[in-house]
Amino acid sequence: MSYGVYDESGNKLLGLSTPLILRSNQPVYASDSLSLKRSVAKRPVQRWEISCEGVKFNGGERYFFTELMAKGFTQAYKLTFPQLNPARPIFTESTHNVGNTAIAGASTLSISGTIEQGSFVRFGNHTKIYVILNDITNGGIAQIYPPLIQEVPSGTTMYYEQKTFGYFYLNTDSIQGITYEDGMLCNFGKLNFLEKV
């Protein structure tokens, strides 16, 4: 499974093209006092945002177009999440298990196996995407960002690499249609996806 937009049956509808912009959106308020002391506060919510162009994939553009017309801006699309270094295969497996139950709001959890810092992951009991903040070799305590949005029970599968998918809304500033470039080739233009939280 490569990076792109998929239907619920696992059929690839559209690839994600570079340049691809990945942003972490966490609302932050900052102000400076008259003595120039800075005060910063952040909200305990976060979502990932992806901006890219779609790449046609073996005639999949007709399927993505019909998905686009059916879902529009009101329903979420299934996307495989891009990894920081997709050109280098790091692991032969793409799942691990959670050791001890981790409560909602936790920033650490126990996992089995080996995973590299900077890997994006999701858990079997929900589809929020997290990033691993430290290297884990043969099991250990993983630091994650953002903090868990819900409890992850012991034994839950953690997915990474090509199995890291999430659900994203198409931002309303995206074009909802196709541009024909020469009568045959088509282009969906810039697509902006916002993680469903």
N, C-alpha and C. Protein backbone atom coordinates (compact mmCIF):
# COMPACT_ATOMS: atom_id res chain seq x y z
N MET A 1 0.85 -1.17 0.00
CA MET A 1 0.00 0.00 0.00
C MET A 1 0.90 1.23 0.00
N SER A 2 0.76 2.10 -1.00
CA SER A 2 1.57 3.31 -1.05
C SER A 2 0.72 4.51 -0.64
N TYR A 3 1.37 5.64 -0.45
CA TYR A 3 0.69 6.83 0.05
C TYR A 3 -0.35 7.33 -0.93
N GLY A 4 -1.53 7.62 -0.43
CA GLY A 4 -2.59 8.10 -1.30
C GLY A 4 -3.94 8.06 -0.63
N VAL A 5 -4.98 8.25 -1.45
CA VAL A 5 -6.37 8.21 -1.00
C VAL A 5 -6.94 6.85 -1.40
N TYR A 6 -7.60 6.19 -0.45
CA TYR A 6 -8.14 4.84 -0.68
C TYR A 6 -9.63 4.81 -0.38
N ASP A 7 -10.32 3.86 -1.01
CA ASP A 7 -11.71 3.64 -0.61
C ASP A 7 -11.72 2.63 0.54
N GLU A 8 -12.88 2.35 1.09
CA GLU A 8 -12.97 1.48 2.27
C GLU A 8 -12.61 0.03 1.96
N SER A 9 -12.59 -0.34 0.68
CA SER A 9 -12.21 -1.70 0.28
C SER A 9 -10.71 -1.84 0.09
N GLY A 10 -9.95 -0.74 0.23
CA GLY A 10 -8.51 -0.79 0.08
C GLY A 10 -8.02 -0.50 -1.33
N ASN A 11 -8.91 -0.07 -2.22
CA ASN A 11 -8.51 0.28 -3.59
C ASN A 11 -7.96 1.71 -3.62
N LYS A 12 -6.79 1.87 -4.23
CA LYS A 12 -6.19 3.20 -4.31
C LYS A 12 -6.92 4.04 -5.34
N LEU A 13 -7.34 5.23 -4.92
CA LEU A 13 -8.06 6.13 -5.81
C LEU A 13 -7.16 7.22 -6.39
N LEU A 14 -6.17 7.65 -5.62
CA LEU A 14 -5.32 8.76 -6.04
C LEU A 14 -4.03 8.73 -5.22
N GLY A 15 -2.90 8.98 -5.86
CA GLY A 15 -1.63 9.08 -5.16
C GLY A 15 -1.41 10.50 -4.64
N LEU A 16 -0.49 10.66 -3.69
CA LEU A 16 -0.12 11.98 -3.18
C LEU A 16 1.21 12.38 -3.81
N SER A 17 1.25 13.57 -4.37
CA SER A 17 2.42 14.03 -5.11
C SER A 17 3.28 14.97 -4.27
N THR A 18 4.57 15.04 -4.63
CA THR A 18 5.44 16.04 -4.03
C THR A 18 5.47 17.25 -4.93
N PRO A 19 5.69 18.43 -4.42
CA PRO A 19 5.95 18.69 -3.01
C PRO A 19 4.69 18.50 -2.16
N LEU A 20 4.87 17.83 -1.04
CA LEU A 20 3.79 17.56 -0.10
C LEU A 20 4.12 18.32 1.17
N ILE A 21 3.17 19.08 1.65
CA ILE A 21 3.37 19.87 2.87
C ILE A 21 2.58 19.21 4.00
N LEU A 22 3.27 18.87 5.08
CA LEU A 22 2.65 18.26 6.25
C LEU A 22 2.77 19.25 7.40
N ARG A 23 1.64 19.62 7.99
CA ARG A 23 1.63 20.58 9.09
C ARG A 23 0.95 19.99 10.32
N SER A 24 1.46 20.37 11.48
CA SER A 24 0.81 20.06 12.74
C SER A 24 0.09 21.33 13.18
N ASN A 25 -1.22 21.26 13.33
CA ASN A 25 -2.00 22.43 13.72
C ASN A 25 -2.46 22.25 15.16
N GLN A 26 -1.82 23.01 16.08
CA GLN A 26 -2.23 23.04 17.48
C GLN A 26 -2.41 24.51 17.84
N PRO A 27 -3.64 24.94 18.14
CA PRO A 27 -3.87 26.35 18.43
C PRO A 27 -3.02 26.84 19.61
N VAL A 28 -2.32 27.97 19.37
CA VAL A 28 -1.43 28.57 20.36
C VAL A 28 -1.75 30.05 20.45
N TYR A 29 -1.78 30.56 21.67
CA TYR A 29 -1.96 31.99 21.89
C TYR A 29 -0.70 32.53 22.54
N ALA A 30 -0.13 33.59 21.97
CA ALA A 30 1.09 34.20 22.53
C ALA A 30 0.90 35.71 22.64
N SER A 31 1.43 36.28 23.72
CA SER A 31 1.38 37.74 23.88
C SER A 31 2.63 38.20 24.62
N ASP A 32 3.00 39.45 24.37
CA ASP A 32 4.14 40.06 25.05
C ASP A 32 3.62 41.15 25.98
N SER A 33 4.17 41.20 27.20
CA SER A 33 3.80 42.25 28.14
C SER A 33 4.62 43.50 27.83
N LEU A 34 4.34 44.59 28.54
CA LEU A 34 5.11 45.83 28.34
C LEU A 34 6.58 45.64 28.74
N SER A 35 6.85 44.68 29.61
CA SER A 35 8.24 44.40 30.00
C SER A 35 8.88 43.36 29.06
N LEU A 36 8.17 43.05 27.98
CA LEU A 36 8.62 42.12 26.94
C LEU A 36 8.73 40.67 27.41
N LYS A 37 8.04 40.36 28.50
CA LYS A 37 7.96 38.95 28.89
C LYS A 37 6.89 38.29 28.03
N ARG A 38 7.22 37.16 27.52
CA ARG A 38 6.32 36.45 26.60
C ARG A 38 5.50 35.42 27.36
N SER A 39 4.21 35.41 27.09
CA SER A 39 3.29 34.44 27.67
C SER A 39 2.71 33.61 26.53
N VAL A 40 2.83 32.30 26.66
CA VAL A 40 2.34 31.41 25.60
C VAL A 40 1.45 30.35 26.22
N ALA A 41 0.31 30.12 25.59
CA ALA A 41 -0.61 29.07 26.03
C ALA A 41 -1.05 28.28 24.81
N LYS A 42 -1.20 26.97 24.97
CA LYS A 42 -1.66 26.16 23.85
C LYS A 42 -2.87 25.34 24.24
N ARG A 43 -3.70 25.06 23.27
CA ARG A 43 -4.89 24.24 23.49
C ARG A 43 -4.49 22.76 23.48
N PRO A 44 -5.19 21.92 24.20
CA PRO A 44 -4.84 20.49 24.25
C PRO A 44 -5.43 19.70 23.07
N VAL A 45 -5.49 20.31 21.90
CA VAL A 45 -6.00 19.64 20.70
C VAL A 45 -4.97 19.80 19.58
N GLN A 46 -4.99 18.87 18.64
CA GLN A 46 -4.04 18.93 17.52
C GLN A 46 -4.61 18.14 16.37
N ARG A 47 -4.30 18.58 15.13
CA ARG A 47 -4.63 17.79 13.95
C ARG A 47 -3.52 17.96 12.92
N TRP A 48 -3.38 16.95 12.06
CA TRP A 48 -2.42 17.00 10.97
C TRP A 48 -3.12 17.55 9.74
N GLU A 49 -2.38 18.32 8.94
CA GLU A 49 -2.92 18.88 7.70
C GLU A 49 -1.95 18.57 6.58
N ILE A 50 -2.47 18.13 5.45
CA ILE A 50 -1.66 17.76 4.30
C ILE A 50 -2.08 18.58 3.10
N SER A 51 -1.11 19.19 2.41
CA SER A 51 -1.36 19.91 1.16
C SER A 51 -0.49 19.28 0.08
N CYS A 52 -1.08 18.94 -1.04
CA CYS A 52 -0.32 18.32 -2.13
C CYS A 52 -1.17 18.34 -3.39
N GLU A 53 -0.61 17.83 -4.45
CA GLU A 53 -1.36 17.60 -5.67
C GLU A 53 -1.62 16.11 -5.78
N GLY A 54 -2.73 15.76 -6.39
CA GLY A 54 -3.05 14.36 -6.58
C GLY A 54 -2.36 13.81 -7.81
N VAL A 55 -1.94 12.56 -7.74
CA VAL A 55 -1.30 11.90 -8.87
C VAL A 55 -2.24 10.82 -9.38
N LYS A 56 -2.50 10.84 -10.67
CA LYS A 56 -3.37 9.83 -11.27
C LYS A 56 -2.73 8.46 -11.09
N PHE A 57 -3.55 7.44 -10.87
CA PHE A 57 -3.02 6.11 -10.56
C PHE A 57 -3.82 5.05 -11.30
N ASN A 58 -3.26 4.54 -12.39
CA ASN A 58 -3.88 3.44 -13.15
C ASN A 58 -5.37 3.64 -13.41
N GLY A 59 -5.75 4.80 -13.88
CA GLY A 59 -7.15 5.05 -14.17
C GLY A 59 -7.99 5.35 -12.95
N GLY A 60 -7.34 5.49 -11.79
CA GLY A 60 -8.07 5.73 -10.55
C GLY A 60 -8.74 7.09 -10.47
N GLU A 61 -8.38 8.01 -11.40
CA GLU A 61 -8.96 9.35 -11.32
C GLU A 61 -10.48 9.33 -11.43
N ARG A 62 -11.03 8.41 -12.22
CA ARG A 62 -12.50 8.37 -12.32
C ARG A 62 -13.12 7.94 -11.00
N TYR A 63 -12.43 7.05 -10.27
CA TYR A 63 -12.94 6.61 -8.97
C TYR A 63 -12.82 7.72 -7.93
N PHE A 64 -11.68 8.44 -7.97
CA PHE A 64 -11.54 9.55 -7.04
C PHE A 64 -12.55 10.65 -7.34
N PHE A 65 -12.79 10.91 -8.62
CA PHE A 65 -13.76 11.94 -8.99
C PHE A 65 -15.14 11.60 -8.46
N THR A 66 -15.57 10.34 -8.60
CA THR A 66 -16.89 9.97 -8.09
C THR A 66 -16.92 10.01 -6.56
N GLU A 67 -15.79 9.64 -5.93
CA GLU A 67 -15.69 9.74 -4.47
C GLU A 67 -15.79 11.21 -4.05
N LEU A 68 -15.13 12.07 -4.81
CA LEU A 68 -15.14 13.51 -4.56
C LEU A 68 -16.56 14.07 -4.66
N MET A 69 -17.30 13.64 -5.67
CA MET A 69 -18.67 14.13 -5.84
C MET A 69 -19.59 13.59 -4.73
N ALA A 70 -19.36 12.34 -4.32
CA ALA A 70 -20.22 11.73 -3.30
C ALA A 70 -19.93 12.28 -1.91
N LYS A 71 -18.64 12.44 -1.55
CA LYS A 71 -18.28 12.88 -0.20
C LYS A 71 -18.13 14.38 -0.07
N GLY A 72 -17.63 15.02 -1.13
CA GLY A 72 -17.44 16.46 -1.08
C GLY A 72 -16.61 16.88 0.12
N PHE A 73 -17.09 17.90 0.82
CA PHE A 73 -16.37 18.43 1.98
C PHE A 73 -16.94 17.93 3.30
N THR A 74 -18.00 17.11 3.25
CA THR A 74 -18.71 16.75 4.48
C THR A 74 -18.36 15.38 5.04
N GLN A 75 -17.69 14.54 4.26
CA GLN A 75 -17.32 13.22 4.75
C GLN A 75 -15.81 13.04 4.64
N ALA A 76 -15.26 12.21 5.50
CA ALA A 76 -13.81 12.03 5.56
C ALA A 76 -13.33 11.01 4.52
N TYR A 77 -12.11 11.23 4.02
CA TYR A 77 -11.43 10.35 3.06
C TYR A 77 -10.37 9.55 3.81
N LYS A 78 -10.15 8.31 3.39
CA LYS A 78 -9.13 7.46 3.99
C LYS A 78 -7.80 7.71 3.29
N LEU A 79 -6.78 8.16 4.03
CA LEU A 79 -5.45 8.43 3.48
C LEU A 79 -4.40 7.61 4.19
N THR A 80 -3.45 7.07 3.43
CA THR A 80 -2.26 6.51 4.06
C THR A 80 -1.36 7.70 4.36
N PHE A 81 -0.83 7.72 5.56
CA PHE A 81 -0.09 8.89 6.04
C PHE A 81 1.36 8.82 5.59
N PRO A 82 1.90 9.90 5.00
CA PRO A 82 3.31 9.88 4.56
C PRO A 82 4.26 9.78 5.74
N GLN A 83 5.34 9.03 5.55
CA GLN A 83 6.37 8.91 6.58
C GLN A 83 7.51 9.88 6.27
N LEU A 84 8.34 10.18 7.27
CA LEU A 84 9.41 11.16 7.08
C LEU A 84 10.49 10.69 6.13
N ASN A 85 10.73 9.40 6.05
CA ASN A 85 11.75 8.89 5.13
C ASN A 85 11.20 7.68 4.39
N PRO A 86 10.25 7.89 3.44
CA PRO A 86 9.60 6.75 2.80
C PRO A 86 10.49 5.99 1.83
N ALA A 87 11.61 6.58 1.41
CA ALA A 87 12.48 5.91 0.44
C ALA A 87 13.31 4.79 1.06
N ARG A 88 13.45 4.81 2.38
CA ARG A 88 14.31 3.83 3.05
C ARG A 88 13.46 2.86 3.86
N PRO A 89 13.36 1.59 3.44
CA PRO A 89 12.59 0.64 4.25
C PRO A 89 13.32 0.37 5.56
N ILE A 90 12.65 0.62 6.67
CA ILE A 90 13.29 0.49 7.98
C ILE A 90 12.96 -0.86 8.61
N PHE A 91 11.73 -1.30 8.45
CA PHE A 91 11.28 -2.50 9.13
C PHE A 91 10.66 -3.48 8.14
N THR A 92 10.71 -4.74 8.46
CA THR A 92 10.05 -5.74 7.63
C THR A 92 8.61 -5.93 8.09
N GLU A 93 8.30 -5.51 9.30
CA GLU A 93 6.94 -5.64 9.83
C GLU A 93 6.36 -4.23 9.96
N SER A 94 5.05 -4.14 10.14
CA SER A 94 4.48 -2.81 10.29
C SER A 94 3.43 -2.75 11.38
N THR A 95 3.55 -3.64 12.36
CA THR A 95 2.68 -3.57 13.54
C THR A 95 3.48 -3.97 14.78
N HIS A 96 3.09 -3.41 15.91
CA HIS A 96 3.58 -3.79 17.23
C HIS A 96 2.38 -3.78 18.16
N ASN A 97 2.57 -4.24 19.39
CA ASN A 97 1.49 -4.22 20.36
C ASN A 97 1.82 -3.29 21.52
N VAL A 98 0.78 -2.71 22.10
CA VAL A 98 0.92 -1.86 23.27
C VAL A 98 1.03 -2.77 24.49
N GLY A 99 2.02 -2.46 25.36
CA GLY A 99 2.24 -3.28 26.56
C GLY A 99 1.18 -3.05 27.61
N ASN A 100 1.28 -1.94 28.33
CA ASN A 100 0.33 -1.62 29.39
C ASN A 100 -0.71 -0.64 28.88
N THR A 101 -1.89 -0.67 29.47
CA THR A 101 -2.95 0.27 29.09
C THR A 101 -2.46 1.70 29.31
N ALA A 102 -2.69 2.55 28.31
CA ALA A 102 -2.32 3.97 28.41
C ALA A 102 -3.62 4.79 28.41
N ILE A 103 -3.74 5.69 29.36
CA ILE A 103 -4.97 6.48 29.51
C ILE A 103 -4.99 7.67 28.54
N ALA A 104 -6.17 8.18 28.28
CA ALA A 104 -6.31 9.38 27.46
C ALA A 104 -5.51 10.51 28.09
N GLY A 105 -4.78 11.26 27.28
CA GLY A 105 -3.95 12.35 27.78
C GLY A 105 -2.51 11.94 28.02
N ALA A 106 -2.21 10.64 27.98
CA ALA A 106 -0.83 10.17 28.21
C ALA A 106 0.07 10.54 27.04
N SER A 107 1.33 10.85 27.34
CA SER A 107 2.33 11.17 26.31
C SER A 107 3.35 10.07 26.14
N THR A 108 3.22 9.00 26.92
CA THR A 108 4.11 7.85 26.82
C THR A 108 3.29 6.57 26.89
N LEU A 109 3.81 5.51 26.29
CA LEU A 109 3.20 4.21 26.41
C LEU A 109 4.22 3.14 26.10
N SER A 110 3.99 1.95 26.64
CA SER A 110 4.88 0.82 26.47
C SER A 110 4.52 0.09 25.18
N ILE A 111 5.54 -0.18 24.32
CA ILE A 111 5.28 -0.92 23.08
C ILE A 111 6.29 -2.05 22.92
N SER A 112 5.92 -3.04 22.12
CA SER A 112 6.82 -4.14 21.79
C SER A 112 7.60 -3.77 20.53
N GLY A 113 8.71 -4.46 20.30
CA GLY A 113 9.43 -4.31 19.04
C GLY A 113 10.32 -3.09 18.94
N THR A 114 10.72 -2.78 17.70
CA THR A 114 11.64 -1.70 17.40
C THR A 114 10.96 -0.70 16.48
N ILE A 115 11.08 0.57 16.78
CA ILE A 115 10.53 1.63 15.92
C ILE A 115 11.42 2.85 16.03
N GLU A 116 11.54 3.56 14.93
CA GLU A 116 12.45 4.69 14.84
C GLU A 116 11.77 6.01 15.19
N GLN A 117 12.50 6.89 15.84
CA GLN A 117 12.04 8.24 16.13
C GLN A 117 11.57 8.89 14.84
N GLY A 118 10.45 9.61 14.90
CA GLY A 118 9.91 10.29 13.73
C GLY A 118 8.93 9.46 12.93
N SER A 119 8.67 8.21 13.36
CA SER A 119 7.68 7.37 12.67
C SER A 119 6.27 7.80 13.05
N PHE A 120 5.40 7.88 12.07
CA PHE A 120 4.00 8.18 12.33
C PHE A 120 3.27 6.86 12.56
N VAL A 121 2.39 6.83 13.55
CA VAL A 121 1.69 5.60 13.94
C VAL A 121 0.22 5.89 14.22
N ARG A 122 -0.55 4.82 14.26
CA ARG A 122 -1.94 4.89 14.75
C ARG A 122 -2.19 3.62 15.56
N PHE A 123 -3.27 3.62 16.33
CA PHE A 123 -3.59 2.48 17.18
C PHE A 123 -4.87 1.82 16.69
N GLY A 124 -5.00 0.52 16.97
CA GLY A 124 -6.11 -0.27 16.47
C GLY A 124 -7.48 0.16 16.96
N ASN A 125 -7.55 0.90 18.07
CA ASN A 125 -8.86 1.26 18.60
C ASN A 125 -9.32 2.67 18.20
N HIS A 126 -8.51 3.42 17.46
CA HIS A 126 -8.94 4.71 16.90
C HIS A 126 -7.97 5.12 15.79
N THR A 127 -8.35 6.13 15.00
CA THR A 127 -7.57 6.45 13.79
C THR A 127 -6.76 7.74 13.89
N LYS A 128 -6.64 8.34 15.06
CA LYS A 128 -5.79 9.52 15.21
C LYS A 128 -4.34 9.13 14.89
N ILE A 129 -3.61 10.02 14.21
CA ILE A 129 -2.21 9.79 13.86
C ILE A 129 -1.32 10.44 14.92
N TYR A 130 -0.29 9.70 15.35
CA TYR A 130 0.69 10.19 16.34
C TYR A 130 2.08 10.05 15.75
N VAL A 131 3.05 10.78 16.32
CA VAL A 131 4.44 10.63 15.91
C VAL A 131 5.25 10.15 17.12
N ILE A 132 6.18 9.22 16.86
CA ILE A 132 7.06 8.68 17.90
C ILE A 132 8.23 9.65 18.08
N LEU A 133 8.50 10.06 19.33
CA LEU A 133 9.52 11.09 19.61
C LEU A 133 10.87 10.52 20.02
N ASN A 134 10.98 9.19 20.17
CA ASN A 134 12.26 8.59 20.57
C ASN A 134 12.42 7.23 19.90
N ASP A 135 13.66 6.79 19.75
CA ASP A 135 13.94 5.47 19.20
C ASP A 135 13.59 4.40 20.23
N ILE A 136 12.99 3.30 19.79
CA ILE A 136 12.69 2.15 20.65
C ILE A 136 13.35 0.93 20.01
N THR A 137 14.15 0.21 20.78
CA THR A 137 14.80 -1.01 20.29
C THR A 137 14.36 -2.18 21.16
N ASN A 138 13.74 -3.16 20.54
CA ASN A 138 13.28 -4.37 21.23
C ASN A 138 12.34 -4.07 22.39
N GLY A 139 11.44 -3.16 22.19
CA GLY A 139 10.43 -2.82 23.19
C GLY A 139 10.90 -1.74 24.14
N GLY A 140 9.96 -1.01 24.70
CA GLY A 140 10.30 0.04 25.64
C GLY A 140 9.18 1.07 25.75
N ILE A 141 9.52 2.20 26.34
CA ILE A 141 8.56 3.28 26.54
C ILE A 141 8.70 4.29 25.40
N ALA A 142 7.63 4.45 24.65
CA ALA A 142 7.61 5.40 23.53
C ALA A 142 7.00 6.71 23.99
N GLN A 143 7.66 7.80 23.62
CA GLN A 143 7.09 9.14 23.82
C GLN A 143 6.36 9.48 22.53
N ILE A 144 5.14 10.00 22.65
CA ILE A 144 4.34 10.30 21.46
C ILE A 144 3.84 11.74 21.49
N TYR A 145 3.54 12.24 20.30
CA TYR A 145 2.90 13.54 20.14
C TYR A 145 1.82 13.38 19.08
N PRO A 146 0.67 13.96 19.31
CA PRO A 146 0.18 14.62 20.51
C PRO A 146 -0.17 13.59 21.58
N PRO A 147 -0.53 14.04 22.78
CA PRO A 147 -0.98 13.08 23.80
C PRO A 147 -2.20 12.30 23.30
N LEU A 148 -2.38 11.11 23.83
CA LEU A 148 -3.49 10.25 23.40
C LEU A 148 -4.84 10.94 23.56
N ILE A 149 -5.67 10.81 22.54
CA ILE A 149 -7.01 11.40 22.64
C ILE A 149 -8.01 10.45 23.28
N GLN A 150 -7.63 9.16 23.37
CA GLN A 150 -8.47 8.20 24.10
C GLN A 150 -7.59 7.07 24.63
N GLU A 151 -8.14 6.33 25.58
CA GLU A 151 -7.40 5.23 26.19
C GLU A 151 -7.00 4.19 25.14
N VAL A 152 -5.79 3.63 25.30
CA VAL A 152 -5.32 2.54 24.44
C VAL A 152 -5.08 1.33 25.34
N PRO A 153 -5.94 0.31 25.27
CA PRO A 153 -5.82 -0.85 26.15
C PRO A 153 -4.57 -1.69 25.85
N SER A 154 -4.13 -2.42 26.84
CA SER A 154 -3.01 -3.35 26.70
C SER A 154 -3.32 -4.35 25.58
N GLY A 155 -2.32 -4.64 24.75
CA GLY A 155 -2.51 -5.58 23.65
C GLY A 155 -3.02 -4.97 22.36
N THR A 156 -3.38 -3.68 22.38
CA THR A 156 -3.85 -3.01 21.17
C THR A 156 -2.73 -2.98 20.13
N THR A 157 -3.08 -3.22 18.88
CA THR A 157 -2.10 -3.17 17.80
C THR A 157 -1.76 -1.72 17.47
N MET A 158 -0.46 -1.46 17.30
CA MET A 158 0.02 -0.15 16.84
C MET A 158 0.50 -0.34 15.40
N TYR A 159 -0.03 0.45 14.49
CA TYR A 159 0.32 0.35 13.07
C TYR A 159 1.28 1.47 12.68
N TYR A 160 2.21 1.17 11.79
CA TYR A 160 3.12 2.20 11.26
C TYR A 160 3.52 1.83 9.85
N GLU A 161 4.44 2.62 9.27
CA GLU A 161 4.83 2.45 7.87
C GLU A 161 3.58 2.55 6.98
N GLN A 162 3.43 1.64 6.03
CA GLN A 162 2.32 1.71 5.07
C GLN A 162 0.95 1.42 5.67
N LYS A 163 0.92 0.93 6.91
CA LYS A 163 -0.37 0.65 7.55
C LYS A 163 -0.88 1.83 8.36
N THR A 164 -0.18 2.95 8.30
CA THR A 164 -0.62 4.14 9.03
C THR A 164 -1.59 4.92 8.16
N PHE A 165 -2.87 4.73 8.38
CA PHE A 165 -3.86 5.51 7.65
C PHE A 165 -4.74 6.25 8.64
N GLY A 166 -5.32 7.33 8.15
CA GLY A 166 -6.23 8.11 8.96
C GLY A 166 -7.35 8.63 8.09
N TYR A 167 -8.26 9.34 8.70
CA TYR A 167 -9.39 9.91 7.97
C TYR A 167 -9.25 11.42 7.95
N PHE A 168 -9.40 11.99 6.76
CA PHE A 168 -9.16 13.41 6.54
C PHE A 168 -10.31 14.01 5.74
N TYR A 169 -10.70 15.22 6.16
CA TYR A 169 -11.66 15.99 5.38
C TYR A 169 -10.93 16.77 4.31
N LEU A 170 -11.57 16.98 3.19
CA LEU A 170 -11.04 17.86 2.16
C LEU A 170 -11.39 19.28 2.57
N ASN A 171 -10.39 20.14 2.66
CA ASN A 171 -10.61 21.52 3.08
C ASN A 171 -11.46 22.23 2.03
N THR A 172 -12.30 23.14 2.48
CA THR A 172 -13.23 23.82 1.57
C THR A 172 -12.53 24.77 0.60
N ASP A 173 -11.21 25.03 0.79
CA ASP A 173 -10.52 25.87 -0.19
C ASP A 173 -9.94 25.03 -1.34
N SER A 174 -10.19 23.72 -1.34
CA SER A 174 -9.75 22.85 -2.43
C SER A 174 -10.77 22.91 -3.56
N ILE A 175 -10.29 22.78 -4.77
CA ILE A 175 -11.18 22.74 -5.92
C ILE A 175 -11.91 21.41 -5.92
N GLN A 176 -13.19 21.43 -6.19
CA GLN A 176 -13.97 20.20 -6.22
C GLN A 176 -14.32 19.89 -7.67
N GLY A 177 -13.36 19.35 -8.41
CA GLY A 177 -13.56 19.02 -9.82
C GLY A 177 -12.25 18.65 -10.47
N ILE A 178 -12.25 18.64 -11.81
CA ILE A 178 -11.09 18.22 -12.59
C ILE A 178 -10.76 19.30 -13.60
N THR A 179 -9.47 19.51 -13.83
CA THR A 179 -9.00 20.36 -14.92
C THR A 179 -8.44 19.44 -15.99
N TYR A 180 -8.96 19.55 -17.21
CA TYR A 180 -8.42 18.76 -18.32
C TYR A 180 -7.28 19.54 -18.94
N GLU A 181 -6.11 18.90 -19.02
CA GLU A 181 -4.91 19.59 -19.49
C GLU A 181 -4.75 19.54 -21.00
N ASP A 182 -5.15 18.44 -21.65
CA ASP A 182 -5.01 18.35 -23.10
C ASP A 182 -6.14 17.54 -23.71
N GLY A 183 -7.26 17.50 -23.03
CA GLY A 183 -8.39 16.73 -23.52
C GLY A 183 -8.37 15.28 -23.04
N MET A 184 -7.20 14.78 -22.65
CA MET A 184 -7.09 13.40 -22.18
C MET A 184 -6.60 13.34 -20.74
N LEU A 185 -5.50 14.08 -20.46
CA LEU A 185 -4.94 14.07 -19.12
C LEU A 185 -5.76 14.99 -18.23
N CYS A 186 -5.92 14.62 -16.99
CA CYS A 186 -6.68 15.46 -16.07
C CYS A 186 -5.89 15.69 -14.80
N ASN A 187 -6.25 16.76 -14.09
CA ASN A 187 -5.53 17.17 -12.90
C ASN A 187 -6.56 17.64 -11.88
N PHE A 188 -6.40 17.19 -10.64
CA PHE A 188 -7.31 17.62 -9.57
C PHE A 188 -6.85 18.89 -8.89
N GLY A 189 -5.67 19.40 -9.27
CA GLY A 189 -5.16 20.61 -8.65
C GLY A 189 -4.67 20.36 -7.24
N LYS A 190 -4.48 21.45 -6.48
CA LYS A 190 -3.98 21.34 -5.11
C LYS A 190 -5.09 20.85 -4.20
N LEU A 191 -4.76 19.83 -3.41
CA LEU A 191 -5.71 19.27 -2.46
C LEU A 191 -5.22 19.54 -1.05
N ASN A 192 -6.10 19.99 -0.19
CA ASN A 192 -5.76 20.28 1.20
C ASN A 192 -6.64 19.41 2.09
N PHE A 193 -6.01 18.52 2.84
CA PHE A 193 -6.71 17.60 3.72
C PHE A 193 -6.49 17.96 5.18
N LEU A 194 -7.56 17.88 5.99
CA LEU A 194 -7.52 18.17 7.42
C LEU A 194 -7.93 16.92 8.19
N GLU A 195 -7.08 16.50 9.12
CA GLU A 195 -7.36 15.27 9.87
C GLU A 195 -8.67 15.37 10.63
N LYS A 196 -9.44 14.29 10.59
CA LYS A 196 -10.68 14.20 11.36
C LYS A 196 -10.31 13.92 12.81
N VAL A 197 -10.71 14.79 13.73
CA VAL A 197 -10.41 14.60 15.15
C VAL A 197 -11.69 14.49 15.95
